[in-house]
Amino acid sequence: MGDADFAWLADHVRDVADFPQPGVAFKDITPLLGHADALRAAIDGLAAAAGDGGVDHVVGVEARGFILGAAVAYRLGCGFVPVRKLGKLPWSTEQETYALEYGTDVLEMHVDALLPGSSVLIVDDVIATGGTAAATARLVEKLGATVTGFAFLIELTFLAGREEIAAYPITSLVAY
């Protein structure tokens, strides 16, 4: 859950009503990304989710997970691996389908992105229902790597996404 030391980061997250559809209050992190101290604190907080054991790769989920995940990988001194939506990666991929509120979607990762036995921290901006996070974990494990934990900037607790990935250590910096 969110750590009190990071609660102030919420001051740099903007709510956008009815985006991307009516009834949704989108959590816009672009003000946070544009504020040097908030960005630095967020990256340091997310990197701390790796613990003392370290990780071989950070996996970032399209699209804001790329921004945060790449910075976390740099901070940890490890590699970064993108997970993208179907058809966005240019080479051979492993795929994972996951449920949406209405229908399904597909995530992909290059088949050679992770070595068997490597340790992975999965980073994304928001955990909502947990479907994307769980699908990303399944992709990592299909390649023989180990998910050591998840790190999210924001957790929407009322959607209970944490339950979908309860078998893993979870860090979230700001909870709504």
C-alpha atoms as a PDB file:
ATOM      1  CA  MET A   1       0.000   0.000   0.000  1.00  0.00           C
ATOM      2  CA  GLY A   2       1.083   3.617  -0.256  1.00  0.00           C
ATOM      3  CA  ASP A   3       3.843   4.712   2.104  1.00  0.00           C
ATOM      4  CA  ALA A   4       3.234   7.907   4.128  1.00  0.00           C
ATOM      5  CA  ASP A   5       6.629   9.207   2.965  1.00  0.00           C
ATOM      6  CA  PHE A   6       5.289   9.297  -0.598  1.00  0.00           C
ATOM      7  CA  ALA A   7       1.774  10.620   0.052  1.00  0.00           C
ATOM      8  CA  TRP A   8       2.867  14.099  -1.092  1.00  0.00           C
ATOM      9  CA  LEU A   9       3.345  12.737  -4.610  1.00  0.00           C
ATOM     10  CA  ALA A  10      -0.450  12.796  -4.952  1.00  0.00           C
ATOM     11  CA  ASP A  11      -0.184  16.599  -5.058  1.00  0.00           C
ATOM     12  CA  HIS A  12       1.468  16.152  -8.464  1.00  0.00           C
ATOM     13  CA  VAL A  13      -1.146  13.798  -9.938  1.00  0.00           C
ATOM     14  CA  ARG A  14      -4.009  15.437 -11.817  1.00  0.00           C
ATOM     15  CA  ASP A  15      -7.486  13.929 -12.040  1.00  0.00           C
ATOM     16  CA  VAL A  16      -9.003  14.188 -15.514  1.00  0.00           C
ATOM     17  CA  ALA A  17     -12.748  13.580 -15.413  1.00  0.00           C
ATOM     18  CA  ASP A  18     -14.417  11.369 -18.023  1.00  0.00           C
ATOM     19  CA  PHE A  19     -11.168  10.214 -19.672  1.00  0.00           C
ATOM     20  CA  PRO A  20     -10.856   7.974 -21.616  1.00  0.00           C
ATOM     21  CA  GLN A  21     -14.604   7.432 -21.238  1.00  0.00           C
ATOM     22  CA  PRO A  22     -17.485   8.897 -19.224  1.00  0.00           C
ATOM     23  CA  GLY A  23     -17.392   8.020 -15.543  1.00  0.00           C
ATOM     24  CA  VAL A  24     -13.629   7.407 -15.395  1.00  0.00           C
ATOM     25  CA  ALA A  25     -11.379   9.728 -13.370  1.00  0.00           C
ATOM     26  CA  PHE A  26      -7.993   9.311 -15.098  1.00  0.00           C
ATOM     27  CA  LYS A  27      -4.894   9.749 -12.928  1.00  0.00           C
ATOM     28  CA  ASP A  28      -2.596  11.937 -15.047  1.00  0.00           C
ATOM     29  CA  ILE A  29       1.036  11.642 -13.913  1.00  0.00           C
ATOM     30  CA  THR A  30       2.473  14.159 -16.383  1.00  0.00           C
ATOM     31  CA  PRO A  31       2.616  16.922 -13.734  1.00  0.00           C
ATOM     32  CA  LEU A  32       4.634  14.549 -11.522  1.00  0.00           C
ATOM     33  CA  LEU A  33       6.962  13.704 -14.402  1.00  0.00           C
ATOM     34  CA  GLY A  34       7.564  17.412 -14.943  1.00  0.00           C
ATOM     35  CA  HIS A  35       8.464  18.116 -11.298  1.00  0.00           C
ATOM     36  CA  ALA A  36      12.103  17.185 -10.637  1.00  0.00           C
ATOM     37  CA  ASP A  37      11.769  16.437  -6.907  1.00  0.00           C
ATOM     38  CA  ALA A  38       8.563  14.419  -7.344  1.00  0.00           C
ATOM     39  CA  LEU A  39      10.038  12.437 -10.240  1.00  0.00           C
ATOM     40  CA  ARG A  40      13.233  11.706  -8.313  1.00  0.00           C
ATOM     41  CA  ALA A  41      11.274  10.598  -5.221  1.00  0.00           C
ATOM     42  CA  ALA A  42       8.994   8.381  -7.316  1.00  0.00           C
ATOM     43  CA  ILE A  43      11.886   6.668  -9.102  1.00  0.00           C
ATOM     44  CA  ASP A  44      13.776   6.149  -5.837  1.00  0.00           C
ATOM     45  CA  GLY A  45      10.642   4.753  -4.163  1.00  0.00           C
ATOM     46  CA  LEU A  46       9.924   2.381  -7.025  1.00  0.00           C
ATOM     47  CA  ALA A  47      13.564   1.255  -7.168  1.00  0.00           C
ATOM     48  CA  ALA A  48      13.454   0.453  -3.444  1.00  0.00           C
ATOM     49  CA  ALA A  49      10.925  -2.282  -4.284  1.00  0.00           C
ATOM     50  CA  ALA A  50      13.845  -4.319  -5.640  1.00  0.00           C
ATOM     51  CA  GLY A  51      15.059  -4.792  -2.071  1.00  0.00           C
ATOM     52  CA  ASP A  52      18.580  -5.859  -1.258  1.00  0.00           C
ATOM     53  CA  GLY A  53      18.660  -8.858  -3.578  1.00  0.00           C
ATOM     54  CA  GLY A  54      18.754  -6.810  -6.739  1.00  0.00           C
ATOM     55  CA  VAL A  55      17.173  -7.669 -10.052  1.00  0.00           C
ATOM     56  CA  ASP A  56      18.502  -8.531 -13.483  1.00  0.00           C
ATOM     57  CA  HIS A  57      15.790  -6.649 -15.388  1.00  0.00           C
ATOM     58  CA  VAL A  58      13.006  -4.184 -14.897  1.00  0.00           C
ATOM     59  CA  VAL A  59       9.974  -4.930 -17.056  1.00  0.00           C
ATOM     60  CA  GLY A  60       7.900  -1.847 -17.881  1.00  0.00           C
ATOM     61  CA  VAL A  61       4.348  -2.010 -19.178  1.00  0.00           C
ATOM     62  CA  GLU A  62       3.195   0.192 -22.068  1.00  0.00           C
ATOM     63  CA  ALA A  63       3.160   3.161 -21.989  1.00  0.00           C
ATOM     64  CA  ARG A  64       3.808   5.088 -18.769  1.00  0.00           C
ATOM     65  CA  GLY A  65       5.503   2.004 -17.353  1.00  0.00           C
ATOM     66  CA  PHE A  66       8.195   2.620 -19.982  1.00  0.00           C
ATOM     67  CA  ILE A  67       8.948   6.064 -18.568  1.00  0.00           C
ATOM     68  CA  LEU A  68       9.100   4.919 -14.965  1.00  0.00           C
ATOM     69  CA  GLY A  69      10.565   1.470 -15.598  1.00  0.00           C
ATOM     70  CA  ALA A  70      13.483   2.669 -17.709  1.00  0.00           C
ATOM     71  CA  ALA A  71      14.443   5.202 -15.027  1.00  0.00           C
ATOM     72  CA  VAL A  72      14.142   2.528 -12.317  1.00  0.00           C
ATOM     73  CA  ALA A  73      16.358   0.172 -14.350  1.00  0.00           C
ATOM     74  CA  TYR A  74      18.960   2.927 -14.703  1.00  0.00           C
ATOM     75  CA  ARG A  75      18.780   3.587 -10.949  1.00  0.00           C
ATOM     76  CA  LEU A  76      19.238  -0.139 -10.211  1.00  0.00           C
ATOM     77  CA  GLY A  77      21.975  -0.643 -12.797  1.00  0.00           C
ATOM     78  CA  CYS A  78      20.087  -3.368 -14.651  1.00  0.00           C
ATOM     79  CA  GLY A  79      18.453  -3.894 -18.032  1.00  0.00           C
ATOM     80  CA  PHE A  80      15.003  -2.737 -19.127  1.00  0.00           C
ATOM     81  CA  VAL A  81      12.455  -4.819 -21.049  1.00  0.00           C
ATOM     82  CA  PRO A  82       9.288  -3.332 -22.590  1.00  0.00           C
ATOM     83  CA  VAL A  83       5.951  -5.143 -22.589  1.00  0.00           C
ATOM     84  CA  ARG A  84       3.767  -3.849 -25.399  1.00  0.00           C
ATOM     85  CA  LYS A  85       0.308  -4.265 -26.802  1.00  0.00           C
ATOM     86  CA  LEU A  86      -0.237  -6.674 -29.699  1.00  0.00           C
ATOM     87  CA  GLY A  87       1.604  -5.857 -32.914  1.00  0.00           C
ATOM     88  CA  LYS A  88       3.939  -3.156 -31.545  1.00  0.00           C
ATOM     89  CA  LEU A  89       7.151  -5.194 -31.187  1.00  0.00           C
ATOM     90  CA  PRO A  90       9.212  -5.816 -34.332  1.00  0.00           C
ATOM     91  CA  TRP A  91      10.478  -9.353 -33.717  1.00  0.00           C
ATOM     92  CA  SER A  92       9.359 -12.782 -32.445  1.00  0.00           C
ATOM     93  CA  THR A  93       7.200 -12.461 -29.361  1.00  0.00           C
ATOM     94  CA  GLU A  94       5.545 -14.386 -26.581  1.00  0.00           C
ATOM     95  CA  GLN A  95       1.925 -13.327 -26.019  1.00  0.00           C
ATOM     96  CA  GLU A  96      -0.484 -13.254 -23.108  1.00  0.00           C
ATOM     97  CA  THR A  97      -4.212 -12.534 -23.351  1.00  0.00           C
ATOM     98  CA  TYR A  98      -6.006 -10.902 -20.448  1.00  0.00           C
ATOM     99  CA  ALA A  99      -9.548  -9.842 -19.640  1.00  0.00           C
ATOM    100  CA  LEU A 100     -10.829  -6.299 -19.850  1.00  0.00           C
ATOM    101  CA  GLU A 101     -14.159  -5.049 -18.570  1.00  0.00           C
ATOM    102  CA  TYR A 102     -15.614  -5.743 -22.026  1.00  0.00           C
ATOM    103  CA  GLY A 103     -13.522  -8.204 -24.037  1.00  0.00           C
ATOM    104  CA  THR A 104      -9.835  -9.056 -24.003  1.00  0.00           C
ATOM    105  CA  ASP A 105      -6.473  -7.579 -24.948  1.00  0.00           C
ATOM    106  CA  VAL A 106      -3.036  -9.031 -25.666  1.00  0.00           C
ATOM    107  CA  LEU A 107       0.402  -8.125 -24.308  1.00  0.00           C
ATOM    108  CA  GLU A 108       3.682  -9.133 -25.958  1.00  0.00           C
ATOM    109  CA  MET A 109       7.351  -9.424 -25.047  1.00  0.00           C
ATOM    110  CA  HIS A 110      10.267 -10.438 -27.266  1.00  0.00           C
ATOM    111  CA  VAL A 111      11.003 -14.165 -26.857  1.00  0.00           C
ATOM    112  CA  ASP A 112      14.659 -13.453 -26.051  1.00  0.00           C
ATOM    113  CA  ALA A 113      14.078 -10.519 -23.684  1.00  0.00           C
ATOM    114  CA  LEU A 114      14.768 -12.464 -20.480  1.00  0.00           C
ATOM    115  CA  LEU A 115      17.038 -15.378 -19.665  1.00  0.00           C
ATOM    116  CA  PRO A 116      15.669 -18.338 -17.726  1.00  0.00           C
ATOM    117  CA  GLY A 117      16.391 -17.862 -14.038  1.00  0.00           C
ATOM    118  CA  SER A 118      16.748 -14.094 -14.240  1.00  0.00           C
ATOM    119  CA  SER A 119      15.031 -11.961 -11.608  1.00  0.00           C
ATOM    120  CA  VAL A 120      12.522  -9.306 -12.662  1.00  0.00           C
ATOM    121  CA  LEU A 121      10.850  -6.300 -11.070  1.00  0.00           C
ATOM    122  CA  ILE A 122       7.668  -5.291 -12.933  1.00  0.00           C
ATOM    123  CA  VAL A 123       7.001  -1.536 -12.931  1.00  0.00           C
ATOM    124  CA  ASP A 124       3.884   0.335 -14.039  1.00  0.00           C
ATOM    125  CA  ASP A 125       2.263   3.657 -13.267  1.00  0.00           C
ATOM    126  CA  VAL A 126      -1.076   2.353 -11.960  1.00  0.00           C
ATOM    127  CA  ILE A 127      -2.535  -0.873 -10.670  1.00  0.00           C
ATOM    128  CA  ALA A 128      -6.299  -0.864 -11.148  1.00  0.00           C
ATOM    129  CA  THR A 129      -8.033  -4.232 -11.656  1.00  0.00           C
ATOM    130  CA  GLY A 130      -4.725  -6.139 -11.829  1.00  0.00           C
ATOM    131  CA  GLY A 131      -5.336  -7.793 -15.201  1.00  0.00           C
ATOM    132  CA  THR A 132      -2.398  -6.149 -16.954  1.00  0.00           C
ATOM    133  CA  ALA A 133      -0.081  -6.841 -14.030  1.00  0.00           C
ATOM    134  CA  ALA A 134      -1.068 -10.518 -13.827  1.00  0.00           C
ATOM    135  CA  ALA A 135      -0.665 -10.945 -17.601  1.00  0.00           C
ATOM    136  CA  THR A 136       2.791  -9.362 -17.437  1.00  0.00           C
ATOM    137  CA  ALA A 137       3.821 -11.764 -14.673  1.00  0.00           C
ATOM    138  CA  ARG A 138       2.649 -14.705 -16.794  1.00  0.00           C
ATOM    139  CA  LEU A 139       4.726 -13.420 -19.738  1.00  0.00           C
ATOM    140  CA  VAL A 140       7.846 -13.127 -17.569  1.00  0.00           C
ATOM    141  CA  GLU A 141       7.324 -16.629 -16.218  1.00  0.00           C
ATOM    142  CA  LYS A 142       6.715 -18.087 -19.710  1.00  0.00           C
ATOM    143  CA  LEU A 143      10.269 -17.030 -20.509  1.00  0.00           C
ATOM    144  CA  GLY A 144      11.560 -18.837 -17.415  1.00  0.00           C
ATOM    145  CA  ALA A 145      12.349 -15.715 -15.392  1.00  0.00           C
ATOM    146  CA  THR A 146      11.222 -15.024 -11.816  1.00  0.00           C
ATOM    147  CA  VAL A 147       9.045 -12.102 -10.790  1.00  0.00           C
ATOM    148  CA  THR A 148      10.590 -10.745  -7.597  1.00  0.00           C
ATOM    149  CA  GLY A 149       7.921  -8.082  -7.169  1.00  0.00           C
ATOM    150  CA  PHE A 150       5.763  -5.301  -8.544  1.00  0.00           C
ATOM    151  CA  ALA A 151       6.237  -1.560  -8.118  1.00  0.00           C
ATOM    152  CA  PHE A 152       3.435   0.889  -8.908  1.00  0.00           C
ATOM    153  CA  LEU A 153       3.345   4.644  -8.577  1.00  0.00           C
ATOM    154  CA  ILE A 154      -0.429   4.583  -7.927  1.00  0.00           C
ATOM    155  CA  GLU A 155      -2.794   1.957  -6.567  1.00  0.00           C
ATOM    156  CA  LEU A 156      -6.547   2.311  -7.046  1.00  0.00           C
ATOM    157  CA  THR A 157      -7.473   0.280  -3.963  1.00  0.00           C
ATOM    158  CA  PHE A 158     -11.216   0.324  -4.646  1.00  0.00           C
ATOM    159  CA  LEU A 159     -10.632  -1.868  -7.733  1.00  0.00           C
ATOM    160  CA  ALA A 160      -8.824  -4.563  -5.690  1.00  0.00           C
ATOM    161  CA  GLY A 161      -6.180  -5.288  -8.343  1.00  0.00           C
ATOM    162  CA  ARG A 162      -3.738  -6.329  -5.658  1.00  0.00           C
ATOM    163  CA  GLU A 163      -5.755  -9.546  -5.261  1.00  0.00           C
ATOM    164  CA  GLU A 164      -4.823 -10.610  -8.822  1.00  0.00           C
ATOM    165  CA  ILE A 165      -1.100 -10.578  -7.970  1.00  0.00           C
ATOM    166  CA  ALA A 166      -1.259 -11.369  -4.248  1.00  0.00           C
ATOM    167  CA  ALA A 167       1.376 -14.110  -4.585  1.00  0.00           C
ATOM    168  CA  TYR A 168       4.068 -11.474  -5.236  1.00  0.00           C
ATOM    169  CA  PRO A 169       5.558  -8.640  -3.183  1.00  0.00           C
ATOM    170  CA  ILE A 170       3.771  -5.403  -4.143  1.00  0.00           C
ATOM    171  CA  THR A 171       4.892  -1.817  -3.603  1.00  0.00           C
ATOM    172  CA  SER A 172       2.656   1.149  -4.370  1.00  0.00           C
ATOM    173  CA  LEU A 173       3.676   4.680  -3.499  1.00  0.00           C
ATOM    174  CA  VAL A 174       0.303   6.473  -3.558  1.00  0.00           C
ATOM    175  CA  ALA A 175      -3.037   4.827  -2.818  1.00  0.00           C
ATOM    176  CA  TYR A 176      -6.479   6.144  -3.765  1.00  0.00           C
END
